N, C-alpha and C. Protein backbone atom coordinates (compact mmCIF):
# COMPACT_ATOMS: atom_id res chain seq x y z
N MET A 1 0.81 -1.18 0.00
CA MET A 1 0.00 0.00 0.00
C MET A 1 0.87 1.26 0.00
N THR A 2 2.00 1.22 0.74
CA THR A 2 2.90 2.36 0.79
C THR A 2 3.47 2.66 -0.59
N ASN A 3 3.82 1.63 -1.34
CA ASN A 3 4.34 1.83 -2.70
C ASN A 3 3.29 2.46 -3.60
N LEU A 4 2.03 2.07 -3.42
CA LEU A 4 0.95 2.64 -4.22
C LEU A 4 0.78 4.12 -3.90
N ARG A 5 0.87 4.49 -2.62
CA ARG A 5 0.77 5.90 -2.23
C ARG A 5 1.94 6.71 -2.80
N ARG A 6 3.14 6.14 -2.73
CA ARG A 6 4.31 6.84 -3.28
C ARG A 6 4.17 7.04 -4.79
N ALA A 7 3.67 6.03 -5.48
CA ALA A 7 3.47 6.15 -6.93
C ALA A 7 2.43 7.22 -7.23
N GLY A 8 1.37 7.25 -6.44
CA GLY A 8 0.33 8.27 -6.62
C GLY A 8 0.87 9.66 -6.35
N LEU A 9 1.66 9.81 -5.29
CA LEU A 9 2.26 11.10 -4.94
C LEU A 9 3.23 11.54 -6.04
N ALA A 10 4.00 10.60 -6.58
CA ALA A 10 4.93 10.93 -7.66
C ALA A 10 4.18 11.40 -8.90
N LEU A 11 3.06 10.76 -9.21
CA LEU A 11 2.25 11.15 -10.36
C LEU A 11 1.69 12.56 -10.16
N VAL A 12 1.18 12.86 -8.97
CA VAL A 12 0.65 14.19 -8.68
C VAL A 12 1.76 15.23 -8.80
N THR A 13 2.95 14.91 -8.33
CA THR A 13 4.09 15.84 -8.41
C THR A 13 4.46 16.11 -9.87
N VAL A 14 4.51 15.08 -10.70
CA VAL A 14 4.85 15.25 -12.12
C VAL A 14 3.80 16.11 -12.81
N VAL A 15 2.53 15.87 -12.55
CA VAL A 15 1.45 16.66 -13.16
C VAL A 15 1.55 18.12 -12.70
N ALA A 16 1.79 18.36 -11.41
CA ALA A 16 1.89 19.72 -10.89
C ALA A 16 3.05 20.46 -11.52
N VAL A 17 4.20 19.81 -11.67
CA VAL A 17 5.36 20.44 -12.29
C VAL A 17 5.06 20.78 -13.74
N ALA A 18 4.40 19.88 -14.45
CA ALA A 18 4.07 20.14 -15.86
C ALA A 18 3.10 21.31 -15.99
N VAL A 19 2.10 21.37 -15.13
CA VAL A 19 1.12 22.45 -15.19
C VAL A 19 1.77 23.78 -14.82
N LEU A 20 2.51 23.81 -13.74
CA LEU A 20 3.15 25.05 -13.31
C LEU A 20 4.23 25.49 -14.28
N GLY A 21 4.91 24.56 -14.91
CA GLY A 21 5.93 24.90 -15.90
C GLY A 21 5.31 25.62 -17.08
N GLY A 22 4.08 25.31 -17.41
CA GLY A 22 3.38 25.97 -18.51
C GLY A 22 2.93 27.36 -18.15
N CYS A 23 3.04 27.76 -16.89
CA CYS A 23 2.59 29.08 -16.45
C CYS A 23 3.71 30.10 -16.38
N ALA A 24 4.86 29.78 -16.92
CA ALA A 24 5.96 30.74 -16.89
C ALA A 24 5.56 32.00 -17.63
N SER A 25 5.98 33.16 -17.13
CA SER A 25 5.61 34.40 -17.80
C SER A 25 6.54 34.64 -18.97
N GLU A 26 5.95 34.85 -20.12
CA GLU A 26 6.73 35.09 -21.32
C GLU A 26 5.99 36.12 -22.16
N ILE A 27 6.62 37.27 -22.34
CA ILE A 27 6.04 38.31 -23.16
C ILE A 27 6.61 38.17 -24.56
N GLU A 28 5.74 38.11 -25.54
CA GLU A 28 6.17 37.97 -26.92
C GLU A 28 5.69 39.16 -27.73
N GLY A 29 6.56 39.67 -28.61
CA GLY A 29 6.16 40.73 -29.52
C GLY A 29 5.87 40.14 -30.88
N ARG A 30 4.81 40.61 -31.52
CA ARG A 30 4.44 40.13 -32.85
C ARG A 30 4.14 41.33 -33.74
N ALA A 31 4.48 41.18 -35.01
CA ALA A 31 4.20 42.22 -35.99
C ALA A 31 3.42 41.61 -37.13
N LEU A 32 2.30 42.22 -37.47
CA LEU A 32 1.47 41.73 -38.57
C LEU A 32 1.19 42.88 -39.52
N PRO A 33 1.34 42.65 -40.83
CA PRO A 33 1.07 43.72 -41.78
C PRO A 33 -0.41 44.07 -41.83
N GLY A 34 -0.68 45.36 -42.03
CA GLY A 34 -2.05 45.80 -42.23
C GLY A 34 -2.52 45.34 -43.60
N ALA A 35 -3.81 45.31 -43.81
CA ALA A 35 -4.33 44.74 -45.05
C ALA A 35 -4.88 45.76 -46.03
N ASP A 36 -5.25 46.95 -45.58
CA ASP A 36 -6.04 47.80 -46.46
C ASP A 36 -5.33 48.99 -47.08
N ALA A 37 -4.15 49.37 -46.64
CA ALA A 37 -3.43 50.47 -47.28
C ALA A 37 -2.79 49.91 -48.53
N VAL A 38 -3.21 50.39 -49.67
CA VAL A 38 -2.75 49.79 -50.91
C VAL A 38 -2.18 50.83 -51.85
N ALA A 39 -1.23 50.38 -52.66
CA ALA A 39 -0.71 51.24 -53.71
C ALA A 39 -1.80 51.37 -54.75
N SER A 40 -1.92 52.55 -55.32
CA SER A 40 -3.00 52.76 -56.26
C SER A 40 -2.58 53.75 -57.33
N THR A 41 -3.07 53.52 -58.53
CA THR A 41 -2.87 54.50 -59.58
C THR A 41 -4.20 55.14 -59.95
N THR A 42 -5.27 54.66 -59.35
CA THR A 42 -6.58 55.28 -59.53
C THR A 42 -7.26 55.35 -58.17
N ALA A 43 -8.16 56.27 -58.05
CA ALA A 43 -8.85 56.42 -56.78
C ALA A 43 -9.84 55.29 -56.60
N THR A 44 -9.96 54.82 -55.38
CA THR A 44 -10.94 53.80 -55.05
C THR A 44 -11.73 54.32 -53.85
N PRO A 45 -12.73 55.17 -54.11
CA PRO A 45 -13.47 55.76 -53.00
C PRO A 45 -14.13 54.69 -52.14
N ALA A 46 -14.10 54.92 -50.87
CA ALA A 46 -14.74 54.01 -49.93
C ALA A 46 -15.51 54.85 -48.92
N PRO A 47 -16.53 54.29 -48.32
CA PRO A 47 -17.26 55.06 -47.32
C PRO A 47 -16.33 55.45 -46.18
N ALA A 48 -16.47 56.66 -45.71
CA ALA A 48 -15.63 57.13 -44.62
C ALA A 48 -16.10 56.49 -43.33
N THR A 49 -15.21 55.74 -42.72
CA THR A 49 -15.51 55.15 -41.42
C THR A 49 -14.34 55.44 -40.52
N SER A 50 -14.58 55.47 -39.26
CA SER A 50 -13.48 55.67 -38.33
C SER A 50 -13.71 54.82 -37.10
N ARG A 51 -12.63 54.49 -36.46
CA ARG A 51 -12.69 53.72 -35.23
C ARG A 51 -12.34 54.65 -34.09
N PRO A 52 -12.85 54.37 -32.92
CA PRO A 52 -12.50 55.23 -31.80
C PRO A 52 -11.01 55.14 -31.51
N THR A 53 -10.42 56.26 -31.16
CA THR A 53 -9.01 56.24 -30.81
C THR A 53 -8.89 56.23 -29.29
N THR A 54 -7.71 55.91 -28.85
CA THR A 54 -7.46 55.87 -27.41
C THR A 54 -6.61 57.07 -27.05
N ALA A 55 -7.14 58.25 -27.30
CA ALA A 55 -6.41 59.48 -27.07
C ALA A 55 -5.81 59.49 -25.67
N GLY A 56 -4.53 59.79 -25.62
CA GLY A 56 -3.85 59.88 -24.35
C GLY A 56 -3.21 58.58 -23.89
N THR A 57 -3.48 57.46 -24.54
CA THR A 57 -2.88 56.20 -24.15
C THR A 57 -1.46 56.12 -24.70
N THR A 58 -0.53 55.70 -23.88
CA THR A 58 0.84 55.50 -24.33
C THR A 58 1.22 54.05 -24.12
N ALA A 59 2.31 53.66 -24.75
CA ALA A 59 2.80 52.29 -24.59
C ALA A 59 3.18 52.02 -23.14
N ALA A 60 3.62 53.06 -22.42
CA ALA A 60 3.97 52.88 -21.01
C ALA A 60 2.73 52.54 -20.19
N ASP A 61 1.57 53.11 -20.57
CA ASP A 61 0.32 52.79 -19.87
C ASP A 61 0.00 51.31 -19.99
N LEU A 62 0.37 50.71 -21.11
CA LEU A 62 0.08 49.30 -21.37
C LEU A 62 1.27 48.40 -21.07
N ASP A 63 2.36 48.98 -20.59
CA ASP A 63 3.58 48.24 -20.25
C ASP A 63 4.16 47.50 -21.45
N LEU A 64 4.18 48.18 -22.62
CA LEU A 64 4.78 47.60 -23.81
C LEU A 64 6.29 47.74 -23.76
N GLU A 65 6.98 46.95 -24.56
CA GLU A 65 8.44 46.92 -24.58
C GLU A 65 9.05 48.26 -24.95
N VAL A 66 8.38 49.04 -25.79
CA VAL A 66 8.89 50.32 -26.24
C VAL A 66 7.94 51.41 -25.75
N ASP A 67 8.49 52.52 -25.27
CA ASP A 67 7.68 53.60 -24.71
C ASP A 67 7.44 54.66 -25.78
N VAL A 68 6.27 54.61 -26.42
CA VAL A 68 5.93 55.55 -27.49
C VAL A 68 4.49 56.02 -27.32
N GLU A 69 4.17 57.06 -28.05
CA GLU A 69 2.80 57.56 -28.12
C GLU A 69 2.54 57.93 -29.57
N PRO A 70 1.28 58.15 -29.95
CA PRO A 70 0.98 58.51 -31.34
C PRO A 70 1.83 59.69 -31.81
N GLY A 71 2.38 59.55 -33.02
CA GLY A 71 3.25 60.57 -33.59
C GLY A 71 4.73 60.23 -33.46
N ASP A 72 5.08 59.34 -32.52
CA ASP A 72 6.47 58.89 -32.38
C ASP A 72 6.78 57.87 -33.47
N CYS A 73 8.07 57.61 -33.67
CA CYS A 73 8.49 56.64 -34.67
C CYS A 73 9.28 55.51 -34.04
N VAL A 74 9.32 54.39 -34.76
CA VAL A 74 10.00 53.19 -34.27
C VAL A 74 10.78 52.54 -35.40
N ALA A 75 11.72 51.70 -35.01
CA ALA A 75 12.43 50.81 -35.93
C ALA A 75 11.91 49.41 -35.63
N LEU A 76 11.14 48.86 -36.56
CA LEU A 76 10.55 47.54 -36.39
C LEU A 76 11.25 46.56 -37.30
N GLY A 77 11.60 45.41 -36.78
CA GLY A 77 12.28 44.39 -37.58
C GLY A 77 11.99 43.01 -37.03
N GLY A 78 12.81 42.06 -37.44
CA GLY A 78 12.64 40.69 -36.97
C GLY A 78 11.57 39.97 -37.76
N ALA A 79 11.13 38.86 -37.22
CA ALA A 79 10.12 38.03 -37.87
C ALA A 79 8.75 38.29 -37.26
N VAL A 80 7.71 37.81 -37.92
CA VAL A 80 6.35 38.02 -37.43
C VAL A 80 6.19 37.54 -36.00
N ASP A 81 6.70 36.35 -35.69
CA ASP A 81 6.54 35.80 -34.35
C ASP A 81 7.66 36.17 -33.39
N ASP A 82 8.64 36.92 -33.86
CA ASP A 82 9.76 37.32 -33.00
C ASP A 82 10.21 38.72 -33.41
N ALA A 83 9.28 39.66 -33.33
CA ALA A 83 9.55 41.03 -33.77
C ALA A 83 10.48 41.75 -32.81
N THR A 84 11.28 42.66 -33.38
CA THR A 84 12.11 43.54 -32.57
C THR A 84 11.62 44.96 -32.80
N ILE A 85 11.65 45.77 -31.76
CA ILE A 85 11.16 47.15 -31.89
C ILE A 85 11.99 48.04 -30.99
N ASP A 86 12.25 49.26 -31.48
CA ASP A 86 13.01 50.22 -30.70
C ASP A 86 12.57 51.62 -31.10
N ASN A 87 12.76 52.58 -30.21
CA ASN A 87 12.46 53.97 -30.53
C ASN A 87 13.39 54.44 -31.64
N ALA A 88 12.89 55.36 -32.48
CA ALA A 88 13.70 55.94 -33.55
C ALA A 88 13.20 57.35 -33.81
N ASP A 89 14.10 58.22 -34.25
CA ASP A 89 13.70 59.57 -34.62
C ASP A 89 12.98 59.51 -35.96
N CYS A 90 11.82 60.16 -36.05
CA CYS A 90 11.07 60.17 -37.30
C CYS A 90 11.93 60.74 -38.42
N GLY A 91 11.88 60.11 -39.58
CA GLY A 91 12.64 60.55 -40.74
C GLY A 91 14.10 60.12 -40.73
N SER A 92 14.53 59.44 -39.66
CA SER A 92 15.93 59.00 -39.59
C SER A 92 16.13 57.73 -40.40
N ARG A 93 17.39 57.35 -40.60
CA ARG A 93 17.72 56.13 -41.33
C ARG A 93 17.12 54.88 -40.69
N THR A 94 17.03 54.87 -39.36
CA THR A 94 16.55 53.67 -38.67
C THR A 94 15.03 53.60 -38.57
N SER A 95 14.36 54.73 -38.68
CA SER A 95 12.91 54.75 -38.53
C SER A 95 12.22 54.18 -39.77
N ASN A 96 11.32 53.22 -39.54
CA ASN A 96 10.54 52.72 -40.68
C ASN A 96 9.03 52.81 -40.45
N TYR A 97 8.60 53.05 -39.22
CA TYR A 97 7.17 53.18 -38.95
C TYR A 97 6.90 54.34 -38.00
N LYS A 98 5.71 54.95 -38.17
CA LYS A 98 5.23 56.01 -37.28
C LYS A 98 4.03 55.44 -36.52
N VAL A 99 3.96 55.73 -35.23
CA VAL A 99 2.87 55.24 -34.39
C VAL A 99 1.61 56.07 -34.68
N VAL A 100 0.56 55.39 -35.12
CA VAL A 100 -0.72 56.03 -35.39
C VAL A 100 -1.57 56.03 -34.13
N ASP A 101 -1.55 54.91 -33.41
CA ASP A 101 -2.37 54.78 -32.21
C ASP A 101 -1.76 53.73 -31.30
N VAL A 102 -2.06 53.84 -30.01
CA VAL A 102 -1.67 52.86 -29.01
C VAL A 102 -2.98 52.33 -28.43
N VAL A 103 -3.20 51.02 -28.56
CA VAL A 103 -4.49 50.43 -28.18
C VAL A 103 -4.27 49.17 -27.34
N THR A 104 -5.32 48.71 -26.71
CA THR A 104 -5.20 47.51 -25.88
C THR A 104 -5.20 46.23 -26.71
N SER A 105 -5.78 46.27 -27.92
CA SER A 105 -5.86 45.09 -28.77
C SER A 105 -5.68 45.50 -30.23
N SER A 106 -4.96 44.69 -31.00
CA SER A 106 -4.67 45.04 -32.39
C SER A 106 -5.92 45.18 -33.25
N ASP A 107 -7.02 44.55 -32.86
CA ASP A 107 -8.24 44.69 -33.66
C ASP A 107 -8.90 46.05 -33.49
N GLU A 108 -8.37 46.89 -32.61
CA GLU A 108 -8.85 48.26 -32.45
C GLU A 108 -8.19 49.22 -33.44
N CYS A 109 -7.16 48.77 -34.15
CA CYS A 109 -6.46 49.62 -35.12
C CYS A 109 -7.35 49.89 -36.33
N SER A 110 -7.15 51.04 -36.93
CA SER A 110 -7.84 51.38 -38.17
C SER A 110 -7.53 50.32 -39.22
N GLY A 111 -8.47 50.05 -40.09
CA GLY A 111 -8.30 49.01 -41.09
C GLY A 111 -7.30 49.33 -42.18
N ASP A 112 -6.86 50.60 -42.28
CA ASP A 112 -5.94 50.95 -43.37
C ASP A 112 -4.52 51.24 -42.89
N ILE A 113 -4.17 50.77 -41.71
CA ILE A 113 -2.79 50.94 -41.24
C ILE A 113 -1.86 50.01 -42.01
N ASP A 114 -0.57 50.31 -41.98
CA ASP A 114 0.40 49.50 -42.71
C ASP A 114 0.90 48.30 -41.91
N GLN A 115 0.91 48.40 -40.58
CA GLN A 115 1.50 47.35 -39.76
C GLN A 115 0.92 47.42 -38.35
N THR A 116 0.89 46.28 -37.68
CA THR A 116 0.49 46.22 -36.29
C THR A 116 1.58 45.52 -35.51
N TYR A 117 1.96 46.10 -34.38
CA TYR A 117 2.88 45.44 -33.46
C TYR A 117 2.10 45.22 -32.18
N PHE A 118 2.10 43.99 -31.67
CA PHE A 118 1.43 43.75 -30.40
C PHE A 118 2.23 42.78 -29.56
N GLU A 119 2.01 42.87 -28.26
CA GLU A 119 2.69 41.98 -27.33
C GLU A 119 1.65 41.12 -26.63
N THR A 120 2.07 39.89 -26.30
CA THR A 120 1.18 38.97 -25.61
C THR A 120 1.84 38.47 -24.33
N LEU A 121 1.02 38.13 -23.39
CA LEU A 121 1.46 37.50 -22.15
C LEU A 121 0.58 36.28 -21.98
N TRP A 122 1.19 35.11 -21.98
CA TRP A 122 0.46 33.84 -21.91
C TRP A 122 -0.57 33.73 -23.03
N GLY A 123 -0.23 34.25 -24.21
CA GLY A 123 -1.10 34.14 -25.37
C GLY A 123 -2.21 35.17 -25.45
N VAL A 124 -2.26 36.12 -24.52
CA VAL A 124 -3.30 37.15 -24.51
C VAL A 124 -2.65 38.49 -24.81
N GLU A 125 -3.22 39.24 -25.77
CA GLU A 125 -2.67 40.55 -26.10
C GLU A 125 -2.69 41.47 -24.90
N THR A 126 -1.56 42.15 -24.67
CA THR A 126 -1.47 43.10 -23.56
C THR A 126 -1.42 44.54 -24.04
N GLY A 127 -1.31 44.74 -25.33
CA GLY A 127 -1.28 46.07 -25.91
C GLY A 127 -0.77 46.00 -27.33
N ALA A 128 -1.09 47.04 -28.11
CA ALA A 128 -0.71 47.03 -29.52
C ALA A 128 -0.39 48.44 -30.00
N LEU A 129 0.46 48.50 -31.01
CA LEU A 129 0.77 49.75 -31.70
C LEU A 129 0.23 49.64 -33.12
N CYS A 130 -0.52 50.63 -33.54
CA CYS A 130 -1.01 50.73 -34.92
C CYS A 130 0.00 51.60 -35.66
N LEU A 131 0.57 51.09 -36.74
CA LEU A 131 1.71 51.74 -37.38
C LEU A 131 1.48 52.01 -38.87
N ASP A 132 1.99 53.16 -39.33
CA ASP A 132 2.08 53.48 -40.75
C ASP A 132 3.55 53.59 -41.11
N ILE A 133 3.85 53.40 -42.37
CA ILE A 133 5.22 53.63 -42.84
C ILE A 133 5.58 55.08 -42.52
N ASP A 134 6.80 55.31 -42.11
CA ASP A 134 7.27 56.67 -41.79
C ASP A 134 7.61 57.41 -43.08
N TRP A 135 6.55 57.79 -43.80
CA TRP A 135 6.71 58.52 -45.06
C TRP A 135 7.23 59.93 -44.78
N LYS A 136 8.13 60.42 -45.62
CA LYS A 136 8.63 61.79 -45.49
C LYS A 136 8.81 62.34 -46.90
N VAL A 137 8.22 63.49 -47.16
CA VAL A 137 8.28 64.11 -48.49
C VAL A 137 9.74 64.33 -48.89
N GLY A 138 10.06 63.92 -50.13
CA GLY A 138 11.41 64.06 -50.66
C GLY A 138 12.32 62.89 -50.33
N GLU A 139 11.86 61.99 -49.47
CA GLU A 139 12.66 60.83 -49.05
C GLU A 139 12.20 59.58 -49.80
N CYS A 140 13.03 58.55 -49.75
CA CYS A 140 12.73 57.30 -50.44
C CYS A 140 12.71 56.12 -49.48
N MET A 141 11.83 55.18 -49.77
CA MET A 141 11.70 53.96 -48.99
C MET A 141 11.76 52.77 -49.94
N ASP A 142 12.40 51.70 -49.50
CA ASP A 142 12.37 50.43 -50.23
C ASP A 142 11.36 49.55 -49.51
N LEU A 143 10.28 49.22 -50.20
CA LEU A 143 9.21 48.42 -49.61
C LEU A 143 9.30 46.95 -50.01
N GLY A 144 10.40 46.56 -50.64
CA GLY A 144 10.52 45.21 -51.18
C GLY A 144 11.05 44.16 -50.23
N GLY A 145 11.43 44.52 -49.02
CA GLY A 145 11.97 43.54 -48.08
C GLY A 145 10.95 43.17 -47.02
N GLU A 146 11.43 42.55 -45.96
CA GLU A 146 10.56 42.18 -44.84
C GLU A 146 9.88 43.40 -44.24
N ASP A 147 10.64 44.47 -44.08
CA ASP A 147 10.12 45.72 -43.52
C ASP A 147 10.57 46.87 -44.40
N PRO A 148 9.80 47.97 -44.42
CA PRO A 148 10.24 49.14 -45.19
C PRO A 148 11.59 49.62 -44.67
N GLN A 149 12.38 50.17 -45.58
CA GLN A 149 13.70 50.66 -45.20
C GLN A 149 13.95 51.98 -45.91
N ARG A 150 14.35 53.00 -45.14
CA ARG A 150 14.68 54.29 -45.74
C ARG A 150 16.01 54.15 -46.47
N ILE A 151 16.04 54.61 -47.73
CA ILE A 151 17.25 54.49 -48.55
C ILE A 151 17.52 55.81 -49.26
N ASP A 152 18.73 55.95 -49.79
CA ASP A 152 19.04 57.08 -50.66
C ASP A 152 18.22 56.91 -51.93
N CYS A 153 17.72 58.01 -52.45
CA CYS A 153 16.89 57.93 -53.65
C CYS A 153 17.68 57.49 -54.88
N SER A 154 19.01 57.55 -54.82
CA SER A 154 19.84 57.11 -55.95
C SER A 154 20.22 55.63 -55.82
N ALA A 155 19.85 55.00 -54.72
CA ALA A 155 20.20 53.59 -54.48
C ALA A 155 19.31 52.66 -55.30
N THR A 156 19.80 51.46 -55.52
CA THR A 156 19.00 50.42 -56.16
C THR A 156 18.03 49.87 -55.13
N ALA A 157 16.78 49.67 -55.55
CA ALA A 157 15.76 49.19 -54.62
C ALA A 157 14.97 48.05 -55.25
N ILE A 158 14.44 47.19 -54.41
CA ILE A 158 13.55 46.13 -54.88
C ILE A 158 12.21 46.74 -55.27
N LEU A 159 11.66 47.57 -54.40
CA LEU A 159 10.40 48.27 -54.65
C LEU A 159 10.55 49.68 -54.07
N GLY A 160 11.29 50.52 -54.78
CA GLY A 160 11.57 51.87 -54.31
C GLY A 160 10.41 52.82 -54.54
N GLU A 161 10.15 53.67 -53.55
CA GLU A 161 9.10 54.69 -53.65
C GLU A 161 9.66 56.01 -53.13
N LYS A 162 9.56 57.06 -53.96
CA LYS A 162 9.97 58.40 -53.54
C LYS A 162 8.70 59.20 -53.28
N VAL A 163 8.60 59.78 -52.10
CA VAL A 163 7.40 60.53 -51.70
C VAL A 163 7.47 61.94 -52.28
N SER A 164 6.45 62.29 -53.08
CA SER A 164 6.41 63.62 -53.67
C SER A 164 5.54 64.58 -52.85
N GLU A 165 4.48 64.05 -52.23
CA GLU A 165 3.62 64.87 -51.38
C GLU A 165 2.69 63.97 -50.58
N ILE A 166 2.15 64.51 -49.51
CA ILE A 166 1.16 63.81 -48.70
C ILE A 166 -0.08 64.70 -48.65
N LEU A 167 -1.19 64.16 -49.16
CA LEU A 167 -2.44 64.92 -49.23
C LEU A 167 -3.39 64.46 -48.14
N THR A 168 -3.92 65.39 -47.37
CA THR A 168 -4.91 65.06 -46.35
C THR A 168 -6.29 65.52 -46.83
N GLY A 169 -7.32 64.90 -46.29
CA GLY A 169 -8.68 65.28 -46.65
C GLY A 169 -9.13 64.70 -47.98
N THR A 170 -8.42 63.70 -48.48
CA THR A 170 -8.81 63.05 -49.73
C THR A 170 -8.33 61.61 -49.75
N SER A 171 -9.03 60.80 -50.50
CA SER A 171 -8.57 59.43 -50.76
C SER A 171 -8.48 59.21 -52.27
N ASP A 172 -8.29 60.31 -53.01
CA ASP A 172 -8.21 60.27 -54.47
C ASP A 172 -6.77 60.48 -54.92
N VAL A 173 -6.13 59.40 -55.37
CA VAL A 173 -4.74 59.48 -55.81
C VAL A 173 -4.60 60.37 -57.04
N ASN A 174 -5.69 60.60 -57.76
CA ASN A 174 -5.65 61.47 -58.94
C ASN A 174 -5.42 62.94 -58.57
N GLU A 175 -5.53 63.27 -57.29
CA GLU A 175 -5.26 64.63 -56.84
C GLU A 175 -3.77 64.88 -56.61
N CYS A 176 -2.95 63.87 -56.76
CA CYS A 176 -1.50 64.06 -56.62
C CYS A 176 -1.01 65.00 -57.73
N SER A 177 -0.31 66.05 -57.34
CA SER A 177 0.16 67.05 -58.31
C SER A 177 1.40 66.62 -59.07
N PHE A 178 2.28 65.87 -58.41
CA PHE A 178 3.58 65.57 -58.99
C PHE A 178 3.78 64.11 -59.34
N SER A 179 2.86 63.25 -58.97
CA SER A 179 3.02 61.81 -59.17
C SER A 179 1.76 61.22 -59.80
N ASP A 180 1.94 60.08 -60.46
CA ASP A 180 0.81 59.37 -61.05
C ASP A 180 0.32 58.23 -60.17
N SER A 181 0.99 58.01 -59.05
CA SER A 181 0.59 56.90 -58.19
C SER A 181 0.79 57.29 -56.73
N GLY A 182 0.35 56.40 -55.86
CA GLY A 182 0.51 56.67 -54.44
C GLY A 182 -0.15 55.59 -53.61
N TYR A 183 -0.16 55.80 -52.32
CA TYR A 183 -0.76 54.88 -51.37
C TYR A 183 -1.96 55.56 -50.73
N VAL A 184 -3.12 54.93 -50.88
CA VAL A 184 -4.39 55.50 -50.44
C VAL A 184 -4.76 54.91 -49.08
N TYR A 185 -5.09 55.78 -48.15
CA TYR A 185 -5.55 55.39 -46.82
C TYR A 185 -6.99 55.86 -46.70
N ASP A 186 -7.92 55.01 -47.16
CA ASP A 186 -9.33 55.37 -47.26
C ASP A 186 -9.98 55.73 -45.94
N GLU A 187 -9.75 54.94 -44.91
CA GLU A 187 -10.44 55.18 -43.64
C GLU A 187 -10.04 56.49 -43.00
N ARG A 188 -8.76 56.83 -43.10
CA ARG A 188 -8.28 58.06 -42.47
C ARG A 188 -8.18 59.21 -43.46
N ASN A 189 -8.56 58.94 -44.71
CA ASN A 189 -8.74 59.96 -45.73
C ASN A 189 -7.47 60.77 -46.03
N PHE A 190 -6.41 60.05 -46.43
CA PHE A 190 -5.22 60.74 -46.93
C PHE A 190 -4.51 59.87 -47.95
N VAL A 191 -3.65 60.51 -48.74
CA VAL A 191 -2.92 59.83 -49.81
C VAL A 191 -1.45 60.21 -49.71
N VAL A 192 -0.58 59.22 -49.83
CA VAL A 192 0.85 59.46 -49.94
C VAL A 192 1.19 59.30 -51.42
N CYS A 193 1.53 60.41 -52.07
CA CYS A 193 1.84 60.41 -53.50
C CYS A 193 3.30 60.00 -53.68
N THR A 194 3.53 59.02 -54.55
CA THR A 194 4.89 58.49 -54.72
C THR A 194 5.22 58.28 -56.19
N ASP A 195 6.52 58.21 -56.45
CA ASP A 195 7.04 57.79 -57.75
C ASP A 195 7.85 56.52 -57.50
N SER A 196 7.53 55.48 -58.24
CA SER A 196 8.24 54.20 -58.09
C SER A 196 9.56 54.24 -58.85
N PHE A 197 10.56 53.55 -58.32
CA PHE A 197 11.84 53.42 -59.03
C PHE A 197 12.45 52.06 -58.76
């Protein structure tokens, strides 16, 4: 009988260790591309919709790995399931995204953002950054790699785009004065006019 009790106690101990081992705290960062901001050579009007913003929320409020607020820029890299993120000066060589919004869940981001970065704890989202490419008039970005990269406009690019102007209050790429194409953000009603190279 004593051996049976010891075997039962050993089984309970093994199960407890396995269950508690699965409860280790692990924060993971993930980056997922947005789906609706598209390159366009013609206007594609869409009904104006907007999502509520979390005005005043910062990444520090949500205890995210990087401390940013809307309007700040970041350098995002790595893989989808193992993203790296760091603060960056907007328009700098290292900056590739601008923070549009800081939200508790990535599904709160506008549908026309370029990228979402979110962190999870035990598989549950703990906060998210809604991101757009850090477009800057007169500057060039290579969009052909894993992440956008600011490059010299004379450099060879996989999918190079030079920003000629950024128009607000419209989602009509035909309003671009200097370019025949651009990136339309229908929900937030603006266009980034670009020339491909």
